[in-house]
């Protein structure tokens, strides 16, 4: 994954948390007319977030918004009294431990929509935990409060109202959430991590006025931004390569008003390769080539045009200057050995057999042909420039492949 993709996942959520932190620090300067909208903001935003999540059948986003709402409701209605009251301590401890645990479970379970077994499992678990916690308190509140106090009794530190054990447990869960993002590196995983973090801050710093309103608002805004980013990726991003697709390409071309260079790139003998080794290996080739093209210099933007074809746009270069960077990409791909692995045998063979097969893995050379054209010389429409680049690409094929031709 490129640094640009990581920044696109993390930066919006991080900035929202920075703004929330600044607002919490200077909360005493809030004017009276802003207090009521601030208190009601989480309720309004959660309706919008839930509607978006349900529209796109995103269970992870729906539950992250609902868990945030539950956290906010409990802080507003149960945790405004002194912490030495038994009910307050009971609710507080359950939130500190139970909330991040449920959020982590929501993050761990693969997204399969709102009605899949994954979804019904976590719905049922959340309801069961809530019911048991309420029943335990009603039946024998003294015993359960004392039990929780023996390990998690809230106490005041500098700006913190939490036990050391509670801080450790919730921090461990938060770190596990971060590990999940670093492992999968998707926008949804990044968003879920930041939503959990935003929900824990008001529990850690419970004595700061309006902190729950500020950070729960931030948490739901993060969930909303994540939902919008995920929806955008579904519409524009190719799931196999992670590159933007054809729809995004034509939107980008429509917005370009200055001269630019455009290149069409095609993997050589890809159909023959697919027929020989199978579509799974072919997908691996596409992913490898895409990762190498994404390293292009010169400000090139990369799109998957379709099949084994890719498009590159250089918005500030002419075709001759772009050719220099395209040759770098072509050489990088040609010099990267591709190892053909038999996935089906790997799943069924023993470790000894796999070691033997490793010696027999076939290395093949992947090459690409590229045609490049530019805006101008009677070519002002995107379709005309793509057609000219395509013609140059076919000339590259005719001239022996693994080369860049300027059209």
Protein backbone atom coordinates (compact mmCIF):
# COMPACT_ATOMS: atom_id res chain seq x y z
CA UNK A 1 0.00 0.00 0.00
CA UNK A 2 1.34 3.43 -0.92
CA UNK A 3 1.97 6.19 1.60
CA UNK A 4 -0.71 8.25 -0.17
CA UNK A 5 -3.33 5.55 0.48
CA UNK A 6 -2.37 5.31 4.16
CA UNK A 7 -2.66 9.08 4.51
CA UNK A 8 -6.08 9.04 2.85
CA UNK A 9 -7.21 6.44 5.42
CA UNK A 10 -5.78 8.13 8.50
CA UNK A 11 -5.57 11.87 7.90
CA UNK A 12 -9.29 12.87 7.92
CA UNK A 13 -10.00 10.94 11.15
CA UNK A 14 -6.82 12.23 12.78
CA UNK A 15 -7.70 15.84 11.92
CA UNK A 16 -11.20 15.40 13.37
CA UNK A 17 -9.66 14.14 16.63
CA UNK A 18 -7.22 17.08 16.70
CA UNK A 19 -10.13 19.51 16.28
CA UNK A 20 -12.06 17.70 19.03
CA UNK A 21 -9.04 17.91 21.35
CA UNK A 22 -8.65 21.64 20.73
CA UNK A 23 -12.39 22.14 21.34
CA UNK A 24 -12.16 20.20 24.64
CA UNK A 25 -9.15 22.22 25.80
CA UNK A 26 -10.91 25.50 25.10
CA UNK A 27 -14.43 24.37 26.06
CA UNK A 28 -14.65 27.14 28.69
CA UNK A 29 -14.70 29.66 25.85
CA UNK A 30 -17.79 28.14 24.23
CA UNK A 31 -20.53 30.71 23.82
CA UNK A 32 -23.93 29.86 25.30
CA UNK A 33 -25.67 29.62 21.93
CA UNK A 34 -23.31 26.81 20.86
CA UNK A 35 -23.91 24.55 23.85
CA UNK A 36 -27.38 23.26 22.89
CA UNK A 37 -26.39 22.39 19.27
CA UNK A 38 -23.27 20.68 20.62
CA UNK A 39 -25.26 18.54 23.07
CA UNK A 40 -27.74 17.51 20.35
CA UNK A 41 -25.19 17.00 17.56
CA UNK A 42 -24.48 13.29 18.30
CA UNK A 43 -28.21 12.43 18.14
CA UNK A 44 -28.64 14.12 14.77
CA UNK A 45 -25.44 12.76 13.28
CA UNK A 46 -26.11 9.18 14.37
CA UNK A 47 -29.39 9.19 12.42
CA UNK A 48 -27.51 10.30 9.29
CA UNK A 49 -24.72 7.75 9.85
CA UNK A 50 -27.20 4.93 10.46
CA UNK A 51 -29.16 5.84 7.32
CA UNK A 52 -25.96 5.79 5.24
CA UNK A 53 -24.83 2.47 6.75
CA UNK A 54 -28.21 0.86 6.11
CA UNK A 55 -28.32 2.23 2.55
CA UNK A 56 -25.05 0.46 1.75
CA UNK A 57 -25.65 -2.53 4.10
CA UNK A 58 -22.55 -1.78 6.22
CA UNK A 59 -22.93 -3.51 9.58
CA UNK A 60 -19.57 -2.31 10.91
CA UNK A 61 -20.43 1.36 10.35
CA UNK A 62 -23.96 0.96 11.67
CA UNK A 63 -22.82 -0.65 14.92
CA UNK A 64 -19.94 1.78 15.43
CA UNK A 65 -22.44 4.66 15.24
CA UNK A 66 -24.94 2.88 17.54
CA UNK A 67 -22.24 1.99 20.09
CA UNK A 68 -21.18 5.63 20.09
CA UNK A 69 -24.77 6.68 20.73
CA UNK A 70 -25.05 4.20 23.62
CA UNK A 71 -21.82 5.51 25.10
CA UNK A 72 -23.09 9.09 24.83
CA UNK A 73 -26.48 8.26 26.35
CA UNK A 74 -24.92 6.47 29.34
CA UNK A 75 -22.43 9.26 29.97
CA UNK A 76 -25.18 11.90 29.77
CA UNK A 77 -27.74 10.06 31.89
CA UNK A 78 -25.71 7.95 34.35
CA UNK A 79 -22.25 9.47 34.68
CA UNK A 80 -23.09 13.06 35.54
CA UNK A 81 -23.30 12.23 39.25
CA UNK A 82 -20.27 11.83 41.60
CA UNK A 83 -18.14 8.78 40.82
CA UNK A 84 -18.38 7.52 44.43
CA UNK A 85 -22.00 6.45 43.85
CA UNK A 86 -22.26 2.66 43.30
CA UNK A 87 -24.46 2.82 40.17
CA UNK A 88 -22.19 5.40 38.56
CA UNK A 89 -19.10 3.26 39.17
CA UNK A 90 -20.86 0.14 37.86
CA UNK A 91 -21.95 1.80 34.61
CA UNK A 92 -18.60 3.51 34.19
CA UNK A 93 -16.58 0.29 34.56
CA UNK A 94 -18.83 -1.62 32.16
CA UNK A 95 -18.39 1.13 29.56
CA UNK A 96 -14.60 1.27 29.96
CA UNK A 97 -14.25 -2.50 29.42
CA UNK A 98 -17.38 -3.53 27.50
CA UNK A 99 -17.55 -0.73 24.91
CA UNK A 100 -14.09 -1.21 23.34
CA UNK A 101 -14.54 -4.99 23.55
CA UNK A 102 -17.77 -4.87 21.52
CA UNK A 103 -16.22 -2.39 19.09
CA UNK A 104 -13.22 -4.66 18.60
CA UNK A 105 -15.49 -7.64 17.97
CA UNK A 106 -17.41 -5.57 15.42
CA UNK A 107 -14.11 -4.72 13.74
CA UNK A 108 -12.87 -8.35 13.77
CA UNK A 109 -15.96 -9.91 12.20
CA UNK A 110 -15.77 -9.73 8.41
CA UNK A 111 -18.24 -7.31 6.82
CA UNK A 112 -20.98 -9.38 5.21
CA UNK A 113 -23.95 -7.01 5.37
CA UNK A 114 -26.67 -6.36 7.94
CA UNK A 115 -28.36 -9.77 8.01
CA UNK A 116 -25.47 -12.23 7.71
CA UNK A 117 -24.66 -14.62 10.58
CA UNK A 118 -21.77 -12.33 11.54
CA UNK A 119 -24.21 -9.50 12.05
CA UNK A 120 -26.84 -11.47 13.96
CA UNK A 121 -24.12 -12.90 16.21
CA UNK A 122 -22.91 -9.51 17.34
CA UNK A 123 -26.46 -8.14 17.62
CA UNK A 124 -27.39 -11.03 19.89
CA UNK A 125 -24.20 -10.74 21.92
CA UNK A 126 -24.69 -7.01 22.50
CA UNK A 127 -28.29 -7.57 23.63
CA UNK A 128 -27.29 -10.50 25.87
CA UNK A 129 -24.45 -8.56 27.53
CA UNK A 130 -26.72 -5.57 28.15
CA UNK A 131 -29.46 -7.79 29.57
CA UNK A 132 -27.09 -9.70 31.85
CA UNK A 133 -25.42 -6.53 33.14
CA UNK A 134 -28.82 -5.02 33.96
CA UNK A 135 -30.09 -8.24 35.59
CA UNK A 136 -26.96 -8.65 37.73
CA UNK A 137 -27.29 -5.12 39.04
CA UNK A 138 -31.01 -5.45 39.81
CA UNK A 139 -30.61 -8.83 41.56
CA UNK A 140 -27.47 -8.13 43.60
CA UNK A 141 -25.99 -4.70 42.93
CA UNK A 142 -23.77 -4.62 46.04
CA UNK A 143 -21.93 -7.84 45.13
CA UNK A 144 -21.25 -6.86 41.52
CA UNK A 145 -20.23 -3.29 42.34
CA UNK A 146 -17.80 -4.55 44.99
CA UNK A 147 -16.43 -7.19 42.59
CA UNK A 148 -15.76 -4.64 39.88
CA UNK A 149 -14.36 -2.15 42.41
CA UNK A 150 -11.82 -4.71 43.59
CA UNK A 151 -10.19 -4.57 40.14
CA UNK A 152 -11.45 -1.45 38.37
CA UNK A 153 -12.43 1.12 41.03
CA UNK A 154 -12.27 4.53 39.29
CA UNK A 155 -9.83 6.97 40.82
CA UNK A 156 -8.58 10.39 39.85
CA UNK A 157 -5.24 11.04 38.21
CA UNK A 158 -4.21 14.23 36.46
CA UNK A 159 -7.22 14.84 34.20
CA UNK A 160 -8.05 11.10 34.25
CA UNK A 161 -10.84 9.24 36.06
CA UNK A 162 -10.02 5.59 35.57
CA UNK A 163 -8.32 2.71 37.37
CA UNK A 164 -4.90 1.55 36.23
CA UNK A 165 -6.38 -1.88 35.34
CA UNK A 166 -9.18 -0.24 33.37
CA UNK A 167 -6.66 1.91 31.52
CA UNK A 168 -4.51 -1.14 30.71
CA UNK A 169 -7.45 -3.26 29.50
CA UNK A 170 -8.97 -0.58 27.31
CA UNK A 171 -5.54 0.40 25.95
CA UNK A 172 -4.81 -3.22 25.02
CA UNK A 173 -8.11 -3.41 23.14
CA UNK A 174 -7.28 -0.14 21.39
CA UNK A 175 -3.86 -1.46 20.36
CA UNK A 176 -5.48 -4.63 18.99
CA UNK A 177 -7.78 -2.42 16.92
CA UNK A 178 -4.75 -0.58 15.55
CA UNK A 179 -3.06 -3.92 14.74
CA UNK A 180 -6.14 -4.97 12.76
CA UNK A 181 -5.86 -1.81 10.67
CA UNK A 182 -2.11 -2.26 10.12
CA UNK A 183 -2.78 -5.84 9.04
CA UNK A 184 -5.63 -5.15 6.61
CA UNK A 185 -4.90 -1.49 5.81
CA UNK A 186 -8.35 -0.52 4.60
CA UNK A 187 -10.23 2.73 5.11
CA UNK A 188 -12.98 0.97 7.10
CA UNK A 189 -10.44 -0.53 9.55
CA UNK A 190 -8.80 2.86 10.04
CA UNK A 191 -12.19 4.47 10.67
CA UNK A 192 -13.23 1.85 13.22
CA UNK A 193 -9.96 2.32 15.14
CA UNK A 194 -10.44 6.08 15.35
CA UNK A 195 -14.10 5.69 16.34
CA UNK A 196 -13.01 3.50 19.27
CA UNK A 197 -10.35 6.01 20.28
CA UNK A 198 -12.82 8.90 20.14
CA UNK A 199 -15.24 6.96 22.36
CA UNK A 200 -12.61 6.17 24.99
CA UNK A 201 -11.32 9.74 25.43
CA UNK A 202 -14.45 11.04 27.24
CA UNK A 203 -14.36 7.98 29.55
CA UNK A 204 -10.74 8.67 30.41
CA UNK A 205 -11.31 12.42 30.94
CA UNK A 206 -14.82 12.31 32.37
CA UNK A 207 -14.43 15.48 34.47
CA UNK A 208 -13.88 17.78 31.48
CA UNK A 209 -17.11 19.68 30.69
CA UNK A 210 -18.84 18.77 27.40
CA UNK A 211 -16.11 16.26 26.50
CA UNK A 212 -18.64 13.52 25.72
CA UNK A 213 -20.55 15.81 23.35
CA UNK A 214 -17.35 16.89 21.62
CA UNK A 215 -15.75 13.47 21.17
CA UNK A 216 -18.93 11.51 20.46
CA UNK A 217 -19.69 14.06 17.75
CA UNK A 218 -16.17 13.50 16.41
CA UNK A 219 -16.64 9.70 16.55
CA UNK A 220 -19.84 9.80 14.49
CA UNK A 221 -18.29 12.26 12.01
CA UNK A 222 -15.42 9.78 11.61
CA UNK A 223 -17.94 6.99 10.99
CA UNK A 224 -19.72 9.17 8.43
CA UNK A 225 -16.47 10.10 6.67
CA UNK A 226 -15.46 6.43 6.63
CA UNK A 227 -18.83 5.45 5.15
CA UNK A 228 -18.53 8.06 2.42
CA UNK A 229 -14.93 6.98 1.66
CA UNK A 230 -15.99 3.31 1.53
CA UNK A 231 -18.90 4.13 -0.79
CA UNK A 232 -16.55 6.14 -2.99
CA UNK A 233 -14.12 3.20 -3.18
CA UNK A 234 -16.95 0.83 -4.12
CA UNK A 235 -17.94 3.12 -6.98
CA UNK A 236 -14.50 4.14 -8.23
CA UNK A 237 -11.80 1.77 -7.01
CA UNK A 238 -10.90 -1.57 -8.57
CA UNK A 239 -11.02 -4.19 -5.76
CA UNK A 240 -8.31 -6.46 -7.21
CA UNK A 241 -5.56 -3.90 -7.79
CA UNK A 242 -6.64 -1.11 -5.43
CA UNK A 243 -6.34 1.39 -8.29
CA UNK A 244 -9.02 3.80 -9.39
CA UNK A 245 -11.16 2.41 -12.20
CA UNK A 246 -12.47 3.64 -15.54
CA UNK A 247 -15.26 5.76 -14.07
CA UNK A 248 -12.74 7.76 -12.03
CA UNK A 249 -10.48 8.02 -15.09
CA UNK A 250 -13.12 9.75 -17.21
CA UNK A 251 -14.11 12.05 -14.35
CA UNK A 252 -10.46 13.03 -13.97
CA UNK A 253 -10.07 13.62 -17.70
CA UNK A 254 -13.20 15.77 -17.75
CA UNK A 255 -11.66 18.01 -15.09
CA UNK A 256 -8.34 18.54 -16.88
CA UNK A 257 -8.14 21.88 -18.65
CA UNK A 258 -4.42 22.07 -19.46
CA UNK A 259 -2.32 19.93 -21.82
CA UNK A 260 -1.45 16.51 -20.48
CA UNK A 261 0.05 13.20 -21.57
CA UNK A 262 -1.90 9.95 -21.45
CA UNK A 263 -0.52 6.43 -21.71
CA UNK A 264 -2.20 3.08 -22.29
CA UNK A 265 -0.34 0.09 -20.81
CA UNK A 266 -1.06 -3.55 -21.64
CA UNK A 267 0.45 -6.75 -20.17
CA UNK A 268 2.12 -8.77 -22.91
CA UNK A 269 0.73 -12.26 -23.71
CA UNK A 270 -1.65 -12.03 -20.75
CA UNK A 271 -4.39 -14.18 -22.32
CA UNK A 272 -1.89 -16.97 -23.04
CA UNK A 273 -0.54 -16.65 -19.49
CA UNK A 274 -4.08 -16.87 -18.07
CA UNK A 275 -4.87 -19.95 -20.17
CA UNK A 276 -1.64 -21.66 -19.10
CA UNK A 277 -1.60 -20.98 -15.36
CA UNK A 278 -5.21 -20.14 -14.52
CA UNK A 279 -7.13 -17.02 -13.54
CA UNK A 280 -5.95 -17.02 -9.91
CA UNK A 281 -2.33 -16.68 -11.01
CA UNK A 282 -3.46 -14.15 -13.62
CA UNK A 283 -4.98 -12.08 -10.82
CA UNK A 284 -1.65 -12.22 -9.00
CA UNK A 285 0.07 -10.87 -12.10
CA UNK A 286 -2.42 -8.02 -12.36
CA UNK A 287 -1.88 -7.13 -8.71
CA UNK A 288 1.91 -7.24 -9.08
CA UNK A 289 1.91 -5.10 -12.22
CA UNK A 290 -0.48 -2.60 -10.61
CA UNK A 291 1.80 -2.25 -7.58
CA UNK A 292 4.77 -1.51 -9.82
CA UNK A 293 2.87 0.97 -12.00
CA UNK A 294 1.77 2.79 -8.83
CA UNK A 295 5.45 3.61 -8.21
CA UNK A 296 5.59 5.77 -11.35
CA UNK A 297 7.32 9.10 -10.94
CA UNK A 298 6.63 12.40 -12.69
CA UNK A 299 3.27 12.94 -11.01
CA UNK A 300 1.63 10.11 -12.95
CA UNK A 301 -1.86 9.01 -11.92
CA UNK A 302 -2.70 5.34 -12.48
CA UNK A 303 -6.07 3.79 -13.37
CA UNK A 304 -7.18 0.29 -14.28
CA UNK A 305 -8.86 0.66 -17.66
CA UNK A 306 -10.14 -2.90 -17.82
CA UNK A 307 -8.83 -6.45 -18.22
CA UNK A 308 -5.05 -6.28 -18.47
CA UNK A 309 -5.02 -2.62 -19.58
CA UNK A 310 -4.01 0.33 -17.41
CA UNK A 311 -4.06 4.07 -18.05
CA UNK A 312 -1.60 6.67 -16.78
CA UNK A 313 -2.16 10.44 -16.83
CA UNK A 314 0.66 12.98 -16.54
CA UNK A 315 -1.17 16.27 -16.07
CA UNK A 316 1.96 18.47 -16.17
CA UNK A 317 4.05 16.72 -18.86
CA UNK A 318 4.13 16.31 -22.60
CA UNK A 319 4.37 12.87 -24.17
CA UNK A 320 8.15 12.94 -24.63
CA UNK A 321 8.76 13.80 -20.98
CA UNK A 322 6.21 11.20 -19.88
CA UNK A 323 8.01 8.56 -21.94
CA UNK A 324 11.03 8.80 -19.61
CA UNK A 325 8.97 7.82 -16.59
CA UNK A 326 7.03 5.19 -18.52
CA UNK A 327 10.29 3.52 -19.56
CA UNK A 328 11.27 3.38 -15.87
CA UNK A 329 8.02 1.58 -15.06
CA UNK A 330 8.41 -0.79 -18.02
CA UNK A 331 11.95 -1.71 -16.94
CA UNK A 332 10.87 -2.15 -13.31
CA UNK A 333 8.16 -4.63 -14.29
CA UNK A 334 10.45 -6.52 -16.68
CA UNK A 335 13.16 -6.83 -14.02
CA UNK A 336 10.78 -8.11 -11.32
CA UNK A 337 10.69 -11.92 -11.39
CA UNK A 338 7.24 -13.42 -10.98
CA UNK A 339 7.08 -16.82 -9.27
CA UNK A 340 4.20 -19.05 -10.38
CA UNK A 341 2.78 -20.92 -7.40
CA UNK A 342 0.15 -23.63 -7.48
CA UNK A 343 -2.32 -22.56 -4.81
CA UNK A 344 -4.40 -25.73 -4.92
CA UNK A 345 -1.39 -27.97 -4.23
CA UNK A 346 -0.21 -25.70 -1.46
CA UNK A 347 -3.49 -26.15 0.41
CA UNK A 348 -3.38 -29.95 0.31
CA UNK A 349 0.32 -30.84 0.37
CA UNK A 350 2.48 -31.50 3.42
CA UNK A 351 5.28 -29.21 4.58
CA UNK A 352 7.90 -31.56 3.07
CA UNK A 353 6.10 -31.60 -0.26
CA UNK A 354 5.82 -27.82 -0.21
CA UNK A 355 9.59 -27.53 0.36
CA UNK A 356 10.20 -29.72 -2.68
CA UNK A 357 7.71 -27.74 -4.73
CA UNK A 358 9.42 -24.51 -3.70
CA UNK A 359 12.51 -25.64 -5.58
CA UNK A 360 10.37 -26.30 -8.66
CA UNK A 361 8.49 -23.00 -8.63
CA UNK A 362 8.71 -21.48 -12.06
CA UNK A 363 9.92 -17.92 -12.45
CA UNK A 364 8.55 -16.07 -15.44
CA UNK A 365 9.23 -12.64 -16.82
CA UNK A 366 6.29 -10.26 -17.09
CA UNK A 367 6.58 -7.46 -19.62
CA UNK A 368 4.31 -4.64 -20.71
CA UNK A 369 3.82 -2.58 -23.85
CA UNK A 370 2.94 1.10 -23.60
CA UNK A 371 1.59 3.71 -26.00
CA UNK A 372 1.55 7.39 -25.06
CA UNK A 373 -0.16 10.40 -26.60
CA UNK A 374 -1.00 13.92 -25.49
CA UNK A 375 -3.55 16.71 -25.54
CA UNK A 376 -3.25 18.92 -28.62
CA UNK A 377 -2.66 18.63 -32.35
CA UNK A 378 -6.38 18.19 -33.03
CA UNK A 379 -6.81 15.91 -30.02
CA UNK A 380 -8.75 17.76 -27.32
CA UNK A 381 -11.37 15.20 -26.33
CA UNK A 382 -10.41 12.42 -23.89
CA UNK A 383 -11.73 9.74 -26.27
CA UNK A 384 -9.46 11.03 -29.04
CA UNK A 385 -6.36 11.01 -26.82
CA UNK A 386 -7.14 7.49 -25.54
CA UNK A 387 -7.62 6.29 -29.11
CA UNK A 388 -4.27 7.81 -30.15
CA UNK A 389 -2.52 6.18 -27.17
CA UNK A 390 -4.19 2.87 -28.06
CA UNK A 391 -2.84 3.09 -31.61
CA UNK A 392 0.63 3.72 -30.24
CA UNK A 393 0.17 0.72 -27.93
CA UNK A 394 -0.63 -1.56 -30.86
CA UNK A 395 2.47 -0.29 -32.65
CA UNK A 396 4.47 -1.23 -29.54
CA UNK A 397 3.00 -4.75 -29.78
CA UNK A 398 3.90 -4.95 -33.46
CA UNK A 399 7.47 -3.81 -32.78
CA UNK A 400 8.19 -6.72 -30.42
CA UNK A 401 6.48 -5.69 -27.17
CA UNK A 402 8.20 -4.57 -23.94
CA UNK A 403 8.65 -1.04 -25.25
CA UNK A 404 7.13 2.45 -25.12
CA UNK A 405 5.91 4.07 -28.35
CA UNK A 406 5.00 7.74 -28.63
CA UNK A 407 1.99 8.41 -30.81
